[in-house]
Protein backbone atom coordinates (compact mmCIF):
# COMPACT_ATOMS: atom_id res chain seq x y z
CA MET A 1 6.93 -95.18 163.28
CA LYS A 2 4.82 -97.91 161.74
CA PHE A 3 4.66 -95.85 158.48
CA LEU A 4 8.45 -95.62 158.29
CA LYS A 5 8.85 -99.28 158.94
CA LEU A 6 6.26 -100.02 156.33
CA PHE A 7 8.21 -97.99 153.72
CA LYS A 8 11.40 -99.76 154.61
CA ASN A 9 9.80 -102.95 153.42
CA SER A 10 11.11 -103.59 149.90
CA GLN A 11 7.80 -104.95 148.63
CA VAL A 12 5.87 -101.89 149.87
CA PHE A 13 8.56 -99.62 148.42
CA LYS A 14 8.25 -101.29 145.05
CA LEU A 15 4.49 -101.03 145.23
CA ALA A 16 4.71 -97.35 146.20
CA LEU A 17 7.27 -96.77 143.43
CA GLY A 18 4.98 -98.47 140.93
CA VAL A 19 2.02 -96.35 142.05
CA ALA A 20 4.24 -93.26 141.89
CA ILE A 21 5.33 -94.17 138.35
CA LEU A 22 1.71 -94.66 137.30
CA VAL A 23 0.79 -91.29 138.80
CA VAL A 24 3.78 -89.67 137.08
CA CYS A 25 2.74 -91.23 133.78
CA TYR A 26 -0.81 -90.00 134.25
CA PHE A 27 0.24 -86.46 135.06
CA GLY A 28 2.81 -86.64 132.30
CA SER A 29 0.10 -87.48 129.76
CA GLN A 30 -2.08 -84.70 131.15
CA PHE A 31 0.80 -82.25 130.93
CA PHE A 32 1.50 -83.29 127.35
CA SER A 33 -2.16 -82.78 126.37
CA GLN A 34 -2.16 -79.35 127.98
CA MET A 35 1.00 -78.37 126.08
CA GLN A 36 -0.65 -79.41 122.81
CA ARG A 37 -3.68 -77.26 123.54
CA LEU A 38 -1.46 -74.32 124.46
CA THR A 39 0.42 -74.65 121.16
CA SER A 40 -2.84 -74.79 119.24
CA THR A 41 -4.13 -71.70 121.06
CA LEU A 42 -0.89 -69.82 120.38
CA GLU A 43 -1.12 -70.65 116.67
CA LEU A 44 -4.68 -69.33 116.55
CA ILE A 45 -3.65 -66.12 118.32
CA ALA A 46 -0.63 -65.68 116.02
CA LYS A 47 -2.78 -66.14 112.90
CA SER A 48 -5.37 -63.71 114.22
CA ASN A 49 -2.73 -61.09 115.02
CA GLU A 50 -1.07 -61.60 111.65
CA THR A 51 -4.46 -61.23 109.95
CA GLN A 52 -5.09 -57.95 111.80
CA LEU A 53 -1.61 -56.67 110.89
CA GLU A 54 -2.05 -57.56 107.22
CA MET A 55 -5.49 -55.91 107.08
CA GLU A 56 -4.06 -52.71 108.56
CA LYS A 57 -1.19 -52.92 106.06
CA GLN A 58 -3.71 -53.09 103.18
CA LEU A 59 -5.42 -49.94 104.46
CA SER A 60 -2.05 -48.23 104.90
CA ILE A 61 -1.09 -48.90 101.27
CA ILE A 62 -4.49 -47.71 99.99
CA ASN A 63 -4.11 -44.53 102.07
CA SER A 64 -0.54 -44.03 100.77
CA TYR A 65 -1.75 -44.49 97.20
CA ASP A 66 -4.58 -42.02 97.88
CA TYR A 67 -2.13 -39.43 99.28
CA SER A 68 0.21 -39.92 96.29
CA LEU A 69 -2.70 -39.43 93.86
CA ARG A 70 -3.85 -36.27 95.63
CA ASN A 71 -0.28 -34.96 95.71
CA TYR A 72 0.01 -35.63 91.99
CA ILE A 73 -3.27 -33.78 91.32
CA ILE A 74 -1.95 -30.81 93.31
CA THR A 75 1.63 -30.74 91.94
CA LYS A 76 1.36 -32.68 88.64
CA ASP A 77 4.65 -34.29 89.73
CA GLU A 78 4.93 -37.72 88.07
CA SER A 79 7.28 -38.96 90.85
CA TYR A 80 4.22 -39.48 93.10
CA LEU A 81 3.01 -42.18 90.68
CA GLN A 82 6.29 -44.04 90.21
CA ASN A 83 5.59 -46.84 92.66
CA ARG A 84 1.91 -47.43 92.04
CA PHE A 85 2.45 -50.76 90.25
CA LEU A 86 4.80 -51.90 93.05
CA ASN A 87 2.14 -51.01 95.65
CA ARG A 88 -0.46 -52.98 93.74
CA GLY A 89 1.87 -56.00 93.78
CA ILE A 90 2.30 -55.72 97.57
CA ILE A 91 -1.48 -55.60 97.98
CA GLU A 92 -1.94 -58.73 95.86
CA GLU A 93 0.73 -60.55 97.91
CA GLY A 94 -1.06 -59.42 101.08
CA ILE A 95 -4.41 -60.76 99.82
CA LYS A 96 -2.77 -64.11 99.04
CA LYS A 97 -1.30 -64.17 102.53
CA LEU A 98 -4.69 -63.38 104.10
CA LYS A 99 -6.30 -66.19 102.10
CA VAL A 100 -3.69 -68.62 103.45
CA LEU A 101 -4.17 -67.36 107.03
CA THR A 102 -7.97 -67.78 106.85
CA VAL A 103 -8.07 -70.97 104.77
CA ASN A 104 -9.57 -72.89 107.73
CA ASP A 105 -12.09 -70.14 108.54
CA PRO A 106 -14.81 -70.07 105.79
CA ILE A 107 -16.49 -66.94 107.14
CA ARG A 108 -13.25 -64.95 107.37
CA ASN A 109 -12.10 -66.31 104.00
CA LYS A 110 -15.33 -65.00 102.46
CA ASP A 111 -14.59 -61.60 104.05
CA ILE A 112 -11.14 -61.62 102.41
CA LEU A 113 -12.71 -62.31 99.00
CA THR A 114 -15.08 -59.37 99.60
CA LEU A 115 -12.10 -57.18 100.57
CA GLU A 116 -10.31 -58.21 97.37
CA LYS A 117 -13.30 -57.05 95.31
CA LEU A 118 -13.42 -53.77 97.25
CA ILE A 119 -9.71 -53.16 96.62
CA ASN A 120 -10.07 -53.95 92.91
CA HIS A 121 -12.94 -51.46 92.68
CA ARG A 122 -10.89 -48.92 94.66
CA PHE A 123 -8.06 -49.19 92.14
CA LYS A 124 -10.60 -48.75 89.37
CA LEU A 125 -11.62 -45.48 91.03
CA PHE A 126 -7.93 -44.56 91.33
CA ARG A 127 -7.50 -45.12 87.61
CA GLU A 128 -10.62 -43.12 86.69
CA THR A 129 -9.50 -40.25 88.92
CA LEU A 130 -5.95 -40.37 87.49
CA ILE A 131 -7.26 -40.30 83.93
CA ALA A 132 -9.51 -37.36 84.78
CA ALA A 133 -6.57 -35.56 86.43
CA LYS A 134 -4.30 -36.19 83.44
CA SER A 135 -6.83 -34.89 80.97
CA SER A 136 -5.58 -31.81 79.14
CA ASN A 137 -9.00 -30.23 79.65
CA VAL A 138 -9.63 -31.00 83.30
CA ASP A 139 -13.27 -30.99 84.44
CA GLN A 140 -12.62 -29.71 87.94
CA LEU A 141 -16.16 -30.43 89.15
CA GLY A 142 -15.99 -33.95 87.75
CA LEU A 143 -12.55 -34.47 89.26
CA ASN A 144 -13.76 -33.25 92.65
CA SER A 145 -16.72 -35.58 92.37
CA LYS A 146 -14.43 -38.52 91.65
CA LEU A 147 -12.18 -37.57 94.57
CA LYS A 148 -15.18 -37.42 96.92
CA LYS A 149 -16.46 -40.71 95.60
CA SER A 150 -13.01 -42.25 96.10
CA ASN A 151 -12.79 -40.84 99.64
CA ASP A 152 -16.26 -42.14 100.55
CA TYR A 153 -15.38 -45.54 99.16
CA THR A 154 -12.13 -45.60 101.16
CA GLU A 155 -14.04 -44.80 104.35
CA MET A 156 -16.48 -47.61 103.60
CA MET A 157 -13.49 -49.95 103.12
CA LYS A 158 -12.04 -48.82 106.45
CA LEU A 159 -15.30 -49.60 108.24
CA PHE A 160 -15.37 -53.03 106.63
CA VAL A 161 -11.71 -53.76 107.50
CA TYR A 162 -12.01 -52.50 111.07
CA LYS A 163 -15.12 -54.62 111.50
CA ILE A 164 -13.01 -57.65 110.56
CA ILE A 165 -10.15 -56.50 112.78
CA ASN A 166 -12.48 -56.02 115.75
CA SER A 167 -13.90 -59.47 115.14
CA GLU A 168 -10.37 -60.87 115.11
CA ARG A 169 -9.59 -58.98 118.31
CA LEU A 170 -12.60 -60.54 120.02
CA LYS A 171 -11.45 -63.93 118.78
CA THR A 172 -7.94 -63.20 120.10
CA LYS A 173 -9.36 -62.11 123.45
CA PHE A 174 -11.33 -65.33 123.72
CA GLN A 175 -8.28 -67.39 122.80
CA ASN A 176 -6.22 -65.43 125.33
CA SER A 177 -8.72 -66.36 128.03
CA ASN A 178 -8.48 -70.02 127.06
CA HIS A 179 -4.74 -69.69 126.93
CA GLN A 180 -4.63 -68.29 130.47
CA PHE A 181 -6.88 -71.07 131.75
CA GLU A 182 -4.77 -73.76 130.11
CA LEU A 183 -1.61 -72.09 131.38
CA GLN A 184 -2.84 -72.11 134.99
CA ASP A 185 -3.89 -75.75 134.70
CA SER A 186 -0.51 -76.69 133.24
CA LEU A 187 1.30 -74.90 136.07
CA LEU A 188 -0.65 -76.89 138.62
CA THR A 189 0.16 -80.11 136.80
CA ALA A 190 3.81 -79.15 136.59
CA PHE A 191 3.87 -78.43 140.31
CA LEU A 192 2.42 -81.85 141.12
CA LEU A 193 4.88 -83.52 138.80
CA ILE A 194 7.76 -81.72 140.52
CA ILE A 195 6.53 -82.99 143.90
CA LEU A 196 6.11 -86.57 142.70
CA SER A 197 9.28 -87.03 140.69
CA LEU A 198 12.70 -85.57 139.97
CA LEU A 199 12.06 -86.62 136.38
CA ILE A 200 9.28 -84.03 136.08
CA LEU A 201 11.69 -81.47 137.51
CA LEU A 202 14.27 -82.28 134.85
CA LEU A 203 11.68 -82.21 132.11
CA SER A 204 10.36 -78.89 133.38
CA PHE A 205 13.89 -77.52 133.51
CA ASN A 206 14.56 -78.61 129.94
CA LYS A 207 11.28 -77.10 128.78
CA THR A 208 11.99 -73.83 130.58
CA ASN A 209 15.51 -73.74 129.16
CA GLY A 210 14.08 -74.33 125.66
CA ASP A 211 11.53 -71.57 126.11
CA ILE A 212 14.24 -69.14 127.20
CA GLU A 213 16.30 -69.98 124.13
CA ASP A 214 13.30 -69.44 121.86
CA LEU A 215 12.58 -66.13 123.56
CA LYS A 216 16.18 -65.03 123.08
CA GLN A 217 16.04 -65.91 119.38
CA ALA A 218 12.74 -64.10 119.00
CA ASN A 219 14.21 -61.06 120.75
CA ASP A 220 17.25 -61.14 118.45
CA LYS A 221 14.97 -61.28 115.41
CA LEU A 222 12.89 -58.41 116.78
CA MET A 223 16.01 -56.30 117.27
CA LEU A 224 17.16 -57.09 113.74
CA LEU A 225 13.74 -56.20 112.37
CA ASN A 226 13.77 -52.90 114.25
CA GLU A 227 17.25 -52.06 112.93
CA SER A 228 16.13 -52.92 109.39
CA PHE A 229 13.07 -50.69 109.71
CA ASN A 230 15.19 -47.80 111.00
CA ALA A 231 17.59 -48.27 108.08
CA ALA A 232 14.66 -48.33 105.65
CA GLU A 233 13.27 -45.09 107.09
CA LYS A 234 16.67 -43.42 106.75
CA THR A 235 17.05 -44.58 103.16
CA ALA A 236 13.51 -43.58 102.16
CA GLY A 237 13.69 -40.22 103.90
CA PHE A 238 10.72 -40.56 106.23
CA GLY A 239 10.14 -40.96 109.94
CA HIS A 240 7.17 -42.01 112.02
CA TRP A 241 5.79 -40.97 115.36
CA MET A 242 2.96 -42.02 117.65
CA VAL A 243 1.01 -40.47 120.51
CA ASN A 244 -1.20 -42.30 123.00
CA LEU A 245 -4.25 -40.10 123.63
CA GLU A 246 -4.88 -41.76 126.99
CA THR A 247 -1.38 -41.14 128.42
CA ASN A 248 -0.32 -38.27 126.10
CA GLN A 249 2.95 -40.15 125.61
CA TYR A 250 4.82 -39.54 122.33
CA THR A 251 7.18 -41.92 120.55
CA PHE A 252 9.57 -40.87 117.76
CA SER A 253 11.49 -43.17 115.42
CA ASP A 254 15.23 -42.66 114.95
CA ASN A 255 14.81 -41.05 111.54
CA MET A 256 12.15 -38.71 112.93
CA TYR A 257 14.94 -37.15 114.99
CA ARG A 258 17.19 -37.01 111.92
CA LEU A 259 14.51 -35.13 109.96
CA MET A 260 14.73 -32.45 112.66
CA GLY A 261 18.51 -32.34 112.23
CA VAL A 262 19.49 -34.04 115.49
CA LYS A 263 20.79 -37.46 116.49
CA PRO A 264 18.33 -40.22 117.53
CA ASN A 265 17.02 -39.79 121.10
CA ALA A 266 18.68 -36.36 121.36
CA PHE A 267 15.75 -35.21 123.47
CA GLU A 268 12.68 -36.66 125.16
CA SER A 269 9.85 -37.50 122.77
CA THR A 270 7.33 -34.76 123.57
CA LEU A 271 5.32 -32.28 121.55
CA GLU A 272 6.95 -29.34 123.30
CA ASN A 273 10.47 -30.51 122.41
CA SER A 274 9.65 -31.26 118.76
CA ILE A 275 7.88 -28.00 117.91
CA LYS A 276 11.14 -26.15 118.64
CA TYR A 277 12.29 -27.38 115.22
CA LEU A 278 9.25 -26.13 113.32
CA HIS A 279 9.77 -23.12 111.07
CA PRO A 280 8.48 -20.02 112.93
CA ASP A 281 6.10 -19.20 110.07
CA ASP A 282 4.53 -22.70 110.28
CA LEU A 283 4.53 -23.14 114.05
CA GLU A 284 1.06 -21.84 114.89
CA TYR A 285 -0.66 -23.53 111.93
CA VAL A 286 0.90 -26.97 112.46
CA THR A 287 0.35 -27.11 116.22
CA GLN A 288 -3.26 -25.96 115.86
CA VAL A 289 -4.04 -28.59 113.21
CA HIS A 290 -2.44 -31.30 115.33
CA LYS A 291 -4.23 -30.30 118.55
CA ASP A 292 -7.57 -30.02 116.77
CA SER A 293 -7.14 -33.53 115.36
CA LEU A 294 -6.52 -34.92 118.85
CA VAL A 295 -9.94 -33.62 119.80
CA ASN A 296 -12.02 -34.54 116.74
CA HIS A 297 -9.95 -37.63 115.76
CA GLN A 298 -9.79 -36.52 112.12
CA SER A 299 -6.91 -37.62 109.88
CA THR A 300 -4.41 -34.91 108.95
CA SER A 301 -2.30 -34.18 105.88
CA ILE A 302 -0.23 -31.01 105.82
CA VAL A 303 3.00 -29.60 104.34
CA PHE A 304 5.30 -27.66 106.64
CA ARG A 305 8.96 -26.88 107.24
CA PHE A 306 11.56 -27.98 109.75
CA LEU A 307 14.29 -25.49 110.65
CA THR A 308 17.28 -27.48 111.90
CA ALA A 309 19.95 -26.32 114.33
CA ILE A 310 22.21 -25.35 111.40
CA ASN A 311 19.41 -23.26 109.83
CA GLU A 312 18.73 -25.83 107.13
CA VAL A 313 15.13 -25.72 105.88
CA LYS A 314 13.45 -29.05 105.14
CA TYR A 315 10.03 -29.29 103.50
CA ILE A 316 7.95 -32.04 105.11
CA MET A 317 4.74 -33.79 104.13
CA GLY A 318 3.07 -34.94 107.34
CA VAL A 319 0.14 -37.37 107.43
CA GLY A 320 -1.56 -38.82 110.46
CA SER A 321 -4.46 -41.14 111.24
CA PHE A 322 -6.13 -42.63 114.30
CA THR A 323 -6.53 -46.21 115.48
CA ARG A 324 -6.54 -48.21 118.69
CA ASP A 325 -3.70 -50.24 120.14
CA GLY A 326 -3.91 -53.71 121.61
CA ASN A 327 -5.13 -52.29 124.91
CA GLY A 328 -7.98 -50.44 123.25
CA ASN A 329 -6.36 -47.03 123.76
CA MET A 330 -6.85 -44.44 121.01
CA ILE A 331 -3.56 -43.56 119.33
CA LYS A 332 -2.51 -41.29 116.50
CA ILE A 333 0.16 -42.57 114.14
CA GLY A 334 1.94 -40.10 111.88
CA VAL A 335 4.45 -40.35 109.07
CA ASN A 336 6.62 -37.41 107.99
CA TYR A 337 8.16 -37.43 104.51
CA ASP A 338 11.11 -35.29 103.48
CA ILE A 339 9.84 -33.67 100.25
CA THR A 340 12.54 -31.00 100.01
CA ASP A 341 13.81 -32.30 96.66
CA GLN A 342 10.28 -32.60 95.27
CA TYR A 343 9.46 -29.08 96.47
CA LYS A 344 12.54 -27.67 94.80
CA ARG A 345 11.68 -29.51 91.62
CA THR A 346 8.20 -28.00 91.81
CA LEU A 347 9.68 -24.51 92.08
CA GLU A 348 12.00 -25.28 89.20
CA LEU A 349 9.03 -26.55 87.20
CA GLU A 350 7.14 -23.34 87.89
CA GLU A 351 10.11 -21.33 86.66
CA ASN A 352 10.32 -23.52 83.57
CA ASN A 353 6.61 -22.98 82.98
CA LYS A 354 7.13 -19.23 83.12
CA GLU A 355 10.00 -19.54 80.68
CA LEU A 356 7.89 -21.78 78.47
CA LYS A 357 5.09 -19.23 78.42
CA TYR A 358 7.62 -16.60 77.37
CA ILE A 359 8.97 -18.88 74.63
CA ASN A 360 5.43 -19.59 73.44
CA SER A 361 4.79 -15.87 73.32
CA GLU A 362 7.96 -15.37 71.28
CA LEU A 363 6.96 -18.27 69.05
CA GLU A 364 3.54 -16.72 68.51
CA SER A 365 5.22 -13.45 67.52
CA PHE A 366 7.51 -15.34 65.18
CA ASN A 367 4.54 -17.15 63.67
CA ASN A 368 2.75 -13.85 63.09
CA ILE A 369 5.84 -12.40 61.43
CA VAL A 370 6.22 -15.43 59.17
CA SER A 371 2.53 -15.73 58.32
CA HIS A 372 1.92 -12.00 57.75
CA ASP A 373 4.90 -9.65 57.80
CA LEU A 374 7.23 -11.86 55.71
CA GLN A 375 4.61 -13.28 53.36
CA GLU A 376 3.14 -9.87 52.49
CA PRO A 377 6.27 -8.46 50.76
CA LEU A 378 6.85 -11.89 49.21
CA ARG A 379 3.36 -11.84 47.70
CA LYS A 380 4.09 -8.40 46.26
CA ILE A 381 7.34 -9.70 44.76
CA GLN A 382 5.44 -12.58 43.17
CA MET A 383 2.75 -10.20 41.93
CA PHE A 384 5.33 -7.88 40.27
CA ILE A 385 7.13 -10.93 38.82
CA SER A 386 3.82 -12.01 37.28
CA ARG A 387 3.20 -8.54 35.82
CA VAL A 388 6.72 -8.30 34.39
CA GLU A 389 6.29 -11.75 32.82
CA GLU A 390 3.03 -10.62 31.22
CA LYS A 391 4.25 -7.31 29.81
CA GLU A 392 8.08 -7.14 29.76
CA PHE A 393 9.24 -10.77 29.51
CA ASP A 394 9.49 -10.80 25.71
CA GLY A 395 11.73 -7.74 25.78
CA LEU A 396 14.35 -9.44 27.96
CA SER A 397 17.45 -11.15 26.64
CA GLN A 398 17.74 -14.93 26.92
CA GLN A 399 20.08 -14.55 29.87
CA GLY A 400 17.67 -12.07 31.49
CA ARG A 401 14.81 -14.53 31.00
CA ASP A 402 16.86 -17.26 32.68
CA TYR A 403 17.66 -14.98 35.57
CA PHE A 404 14.01 -13.97 35.85
CA SER A 405 12.85 -17.61 35.88
CA LYS A 406 15.31 -18.35 38.67
CA ILE A 407 13.96 -15.36 40.64
CA ARG A 408 10.39 -16.69 40.25
CA ILE A 409 11.43 -20.21 41.32
CA ALA A 410 13.34 -18.81 44.32
CA ALA A 411 10.34 -16.68 45.36
CA ASN A 412 7.97 -19.64 45.10
CA ARG A 413 10.40 -21.78 47.11
CA MET A 414 10.62 -19.01 49.71
CA GLN A 415 6.82 -18.99 50.00
CA THR A 416 6.77 -22.78 50.44
CA LEU A 417 9.41 -22.50 53.13
CA LEU A 418 7.42 -19.84 55.00
CA ILE A 419 4.25 -21.97 54.83
CA ASP A 420 6.16 -24.98 56.15
CA LEU A 421 7.61 -22.89 58.98
CA VAL A 422 4.11 -21.76 59.96
CA ASN A 423 2.89 -25.36 59.88
CA TYR A 424 5.82 -26.51 62.00
CA SER A 425 5.26 -23.76 64.57
CA ARG A 426 1.61 -24.79 64.84
CA THR A 427 2.68 -28.29 65.87
CA ILE A 428 4.61 -27.00 68.91
CA LYS A 429 2.03 -24.52 70.18
CA GLY A 430 0.08 -25.31 73.34
CA ASP A 431 -3.47 -25.01 71.97
CA ILE A 432 -3.93 -28.79 71.72
CA VAL A 433 -7.32 -30.47 72.24
CA PHE A 434 -7.75 -34.23 71.83
CA VAL A 435 -11.10 -35.44 70.47
CA GLU A 436 -12.52 -38.62 68.99
CA THR A 437 -11.07 -38.66 65.46
CA ASP A 438 -11.99 -41.00 62.60
CA LEU A 439 -8.81 -41.61 60.61
CA ASN A 440 -10.90 -42.76 57.65
CA LYS A 441 -12.42 -39.27 57.39
CA ILE A 442 -9.02 -37.64 57.87
CA ILE A 443 -7.60 -39.66 54.95
CA SER A 444 -10.66 -38.89 52.82
CA ASP A 445 -10.22 -35.15 53.41
CA THR A 446 -6.51 -35.46 52.70
CA ILE A 447 -7.13 -37.15 49.33
CA GLN A 448 -9.71 -34.47 48.50
CA ASP A 449 -7.20 -31.69 49.20
CA LEU A 450 -4.51 -33.39 47.07
CA THR A 451 -6.82 -34.25 44.15
CA THR A 452 -4.90 -32.05 41.70
CA ASN A 453 -1.50 -33.55 42.60
CA ILE A 454 -2.90 -37.09 42.51
CA GLU A 455 -4.52 -36.61 39.08
CA GLU A 456 -1.37 -34.95 37.73
CA LYS A 457 0.67 -38.03 38.71
CA SER A 458 -2.15 -40.52 37.83
CA ALA A 459 -1.48 -42.02 41.26
CA ILE A 460 -3.31 -45.05 42.63
CA ILE A 461 -4.15 -44.84 46.33
CA HIS A 462 -5.45 -47.80 48.34
CA ILE A 463 -6.95 -47.10 51.77
CA GLY A 464 -7.68 -49.85 54.32
CA GLN A 465 -10.01 -49.72 57.31
CA LEU A 466 -8.52 -47.31 59.86
CA PRO A 467 -9.35 -46.90 63.58
CA ILE A 468 -11.01 -44.12 65.54
CA ILE A 469 -8.64 -42.58 68.07
CA LYS A 470 -8.35 -39.60 70.40
CA ALA A 471 -6.27 -37.07 68.52
CA ILE A 472 -5.81 -33.50 67.28
CA PRO A 473 -7.67 -33.61 63.94
CA PHE A 474 -5.98 -30.73 62.10
CA GLN A 475 -2.52 -32.05 63.04
CA LEU A 476 -3.28 -35.59 61.83
CA LYS A 477 -4.59 -34.15 58.57
CA GLN A 478 -1.31 -32.23 58.19
CA LEU A 479 0.58 -35.46 58.95
CA PHE A 480 -1.07 -37.45 56.16
CA ILE A 481 -0.96 -34.52 53.71
CA ASN A 482 2.80 -34.35 54.20
CA LEU A 483 3.30 -38.12 53.87
CA VAL A 484 1.11 -38.50 50.77
CA SER A 485 2.64 -35.38 49.18
CA ASN A 486 6.08 -36.79 49.95
CA SER A 487 5.19 -40.07 48.20
CA LEU A 488 3.86 -38.19 45.13
CA LYS A 489 6.85 -35.85 45.01
CA TYR A 490 9.46 -38.63 45.13
CA SER A 491 7.75 -41.04 42.73
CA GLN A 492 9.82 -42.83 40.08
CA GLU A 493 9.74 -41.52 36.53
CA GLY A 494 7.93 -43.88 34.21
CA ASN A 495 6.11 -45.65 37.05
CA ILE A 496 2.56 -44.96 38.23
CA PRO A 497 2.74 -43.95 41.90
CA GLN A 498 1.01 -46.45 44.20
CA ILE A 499 0.30 -45.49 47.80
CA ASN A 500 -1.20 -47.85 50.40
CA ILE A 501 -2.54 -46.55 53.74
CA THR A 502 -3.49 -49.39 56.12
CA SER A 503 -3.75 -50.35 59.77
CA GLU A 504 -1.66 -53.36 60.81
CA VAL A 505 -1.05 -55.47 63.92
CA ILE A 506 2.14 -54.71 65.87
CA THR A 507 4.57 -57.64 65.63
CA GLU A 508 6.62 -59.13 68.46
CA GLU A 509 9.76 -58.06 66.62
CA GLU A 510 8.57 -54.44 66.71
CA VAL A 511 7.71 -54.76 70.41
CA SER A 512 11.30 -55.75 71.13
CA LYS A 513 12.96 -53.41 68.62
CA TYR A 514 11.03 -50.27 69.58
CA GLU A 515 10.80 -51.16 73.32
CA ILE A 516 6.99 -51.12 73.41
CA ILE A 517 5.78 -52.10 76.90
CA ASN A 518 2.31 -53.23 75.82
CA LYS A 519 1.47 -53.53 72.13
CA GLU A 520 -2.25 -53.38 72.97
CA ASP A 521 -1.76 -49.71 73.89
CA TYR A 522 -0.92 -48.61 70.32
CA TYR A 523 -2.33 -48.54 66.79
CA LYS A 524 0.08 -49.02 63.88
CA ILE A 525 -0.70 -47.07 60.68
CA VAL A 526 1.41 -47.85 57.59
CA VAL A 527 1.90 -45.49 54.61
CA GLU A 528 3.67 -47.38 51.80
CA ASP A 529 4.75 -46.15 48.36
CA ASN A 530 6.75 -47.37 45.35
CA GLY A 531 8.83 -44.22 44.98
CA ILE A 532 12.57 -43.64 44.60
CA GLY A 533 13.25 -44.61 48.23
CA PHE A 534 16.56 -44.02 50.00
CA LYS A 535 19.27 -45.89 51.90
CA GLN A 536 18.13 -47.21 55.29
CA GLU A 537 21.10 -45.56 57.00
CA TYR A 538 19.30 -42.21 56.56
CA ALA A 539 16.09 -43.46 58.26
CA GLU A 540 16.55 -41.25 61.35
CA LYS A 541 18.07 -38.19 59.66
CA ILE A 542 15.11 -37.55 57.35
CA PHE A 543 13.01 -36.41 60.32
CA LEU A 544 15.46 -33.61 61.20
CA LEU A 545 14.69 -29.97 60.42
CA PHE A 546 15.78 -28.83 56.92
CA LYS A 547 17.24 -32.28 56.15
CA ARG A 548 16.86 -33.19 52.46
CA LEU A 549 18.33 -36.33 50.91
CA GLU A 550 17.56 -35.29 47.32
CA THR A 551 19.23 -32.13 46.01
CA ASP A 552 18.11 -32.61 42.41
CA PRO A 553 16.18 -29.43 41.37
CA LYS A 554 13.34 -31.56 39.98
CA TYR A 555 12.52 -32.66 43.56
CA SER A 556 11.25 -29.53 45.28
CA GLY A 557 11.02 -29.23 49.03
CA THR A 558 12.23 -27.42 52.16
CA GLY A 559 13.24 -30.31 54.42
CA LEU A 560 10.47 -29.45 56.90
CA GLY A 561 7.71 -31.85 55.82
CA LEU A 562 8.92 -34.98 57.64
CA ALA A 563 10.12 -32.91 60.61
CA ILE A 564 6.53 -31.69 60.93
CA CYS A 565 5.32 -35.32 60.75
CA SER A 566 7.70 -36.33 63.54
CA ARG A 567 6.59 -33.41 65.72
CA ILE A 568 2.89 -34.21 65.19
CA VAL A 569 3.37 -37.86 66.18
CA GLU A 570 5.34 -36.78 69.28
CA ASN A 571 2.47 -34.45 70.20
CA HIS A 572 0.28 -37.57 70.26
CA LYS A 573 2.74 -39.43 72.53
CA GLY A 574 3.59 -41.79 69.67
CA PHE A 575 6.56 -42.34 67.38
CA ILE A 576 7.25 -42.75 63.66
CA LYS A 577 9.68 -45.10 61.91
CA VAL A 578 10.55 -45.72 58.27
CA LYS A 579 11.99 -48.56 56.20
CA SER A 580 13.24 -47.83 52.70
CA GLU A 581 15.40 -49.15 49.88
CA PRO A 582 16.60 -47.21 46.81
CA ASN A 583 14.23 -47.64 43.85
CA ARG A 584 12.01 -49.96 45.92
CA GLY A 585 9.92 -47.37 47.76
CA SER A 586 9.41 -46.48 51.42
CA LYS A 587 7.17 -47.64 54.27
CA PHE A 588 6.36 -45.20 57.08
CA TYR A 589 5.18 -46.83 60.33
CA ILE A 590 3.16 -44.53 62.59
CA PHE A 591 2.57 -45.77 66.14
CA LEU A 592 -0.26 -43.80 67.78
CA PRO A 593 -1.39 -44.51 71.36
CA LYS A 594 -4.95 -45.41 72.18
CA GLY A 595 -7.00 -42.97 74.25
CA ASP A 596 -5.73 -43.81 77.76
CA LEU A 597 -2.10 -42.93 76.97
CA VAL A 598 -2.73 -39.53 75.40
């Protein structure tokens, strides 16, 4: 009773209210400090989780690139390499993001720099392996060695990345412990504040209401992200699945169901339900590989078929690897790609290869006929023409002599045509071997072979310093023989033929005009003469088969020489252009790739 009376006293009430306000202020400041520490802890946890996610993403991209490279080596399908530059860009963005996330952690930042060097070296190995795989004369042992080296290096990278991830997990665990301690302390403070003042209750209510709103927004974003990922899987034609080895619980994405020809969540996500959609011929093999991997924890990569409910066959590339979830449980994550279109293209390519072999066989037969069966009777005709000219020519009438001269000219022209046809067929045969080729020696041999023609025309030939490239020597010699012969043949009467063969720098105008991606990838060789030239409007037509601009009998030719030149340059993955003006000569520009592009 005395206590109640005491509180009824206004002075005591004011004093008690003042003390209560001081206590509220004290607990309020404590609560505010605890909230600040909680926020700081949450930021550290978020950065650590984001770092772990980004590290795993880097490994995923490297693995995807590795699978694409191996698929290319197996199928020689260029579509597996289409996105390699895009993947490299994603990796570089990821490294930048990791550097930002670890900017306040010198040790982890140093690890990211080390990872960047490892990735750069890994891409160097990718490039070396790709070059070896693209070589026309594949060294299978060397290629296998590079693949093993690449695989070992990838495993070393995984160990390094998982070491970082485990370190981040330990850091996250420690921060979680601190977070829990701070959370319990803040709850106690909040409880005391609620007891002491309605103001603390209102503040707590507002804070709780704000947290609920944030959680709702985060949940909405998560749902949107999940929908976007499902849409991306559907567009890209792949689905993912996961199995927890501790609980044996499977999870399928929506598009994983679609790959099996059913609607999302059409059945419970279990191994038994999914294998019903495997092709009967693949059932035993696929299930055995999967079950073995669950025991030995080895990554898998297999091609199999789904047989849908409407008897549609889909060819699937399935890859799977092992990791641990946030609870430390071992899980296997798999991705299934729909490669039906690629598989059909592979079959089509095989059929085309068979057809190509048949065409090559026919071409070889044609070449033999031209080089032997057709030339043999032609040589006899020329031989009898020569004998008639020696013994019977004087007994012929003037008209008979004219006719006989025309026969001889026609026979010689026929022989030239047959030789050109043989040369052209050689440029499209498959027996192509690229070797280090000194263009200076090629030009020297060319001039030696054309000595008689050059001396007959009193031609002046200037040769600049030319590069050494990977090429097919006999084809390049044929190329320059045709171009130099062409310049000598179409020289102007009364003028001494002048021919310049030089190597020049590719201009920016040519980069734009000829759509050259990187001018550093090509050499430019220029063959210039002061001959009769031609109108620029014919610059593309002169490289067509049997296309001749000059019909004057004094200019001999079959129309195959420049077609052969064009074919030879195409064989070297290059291109040829020409600029010309009547009575001002012509300039042939030959763009030949450097070694890596051949």
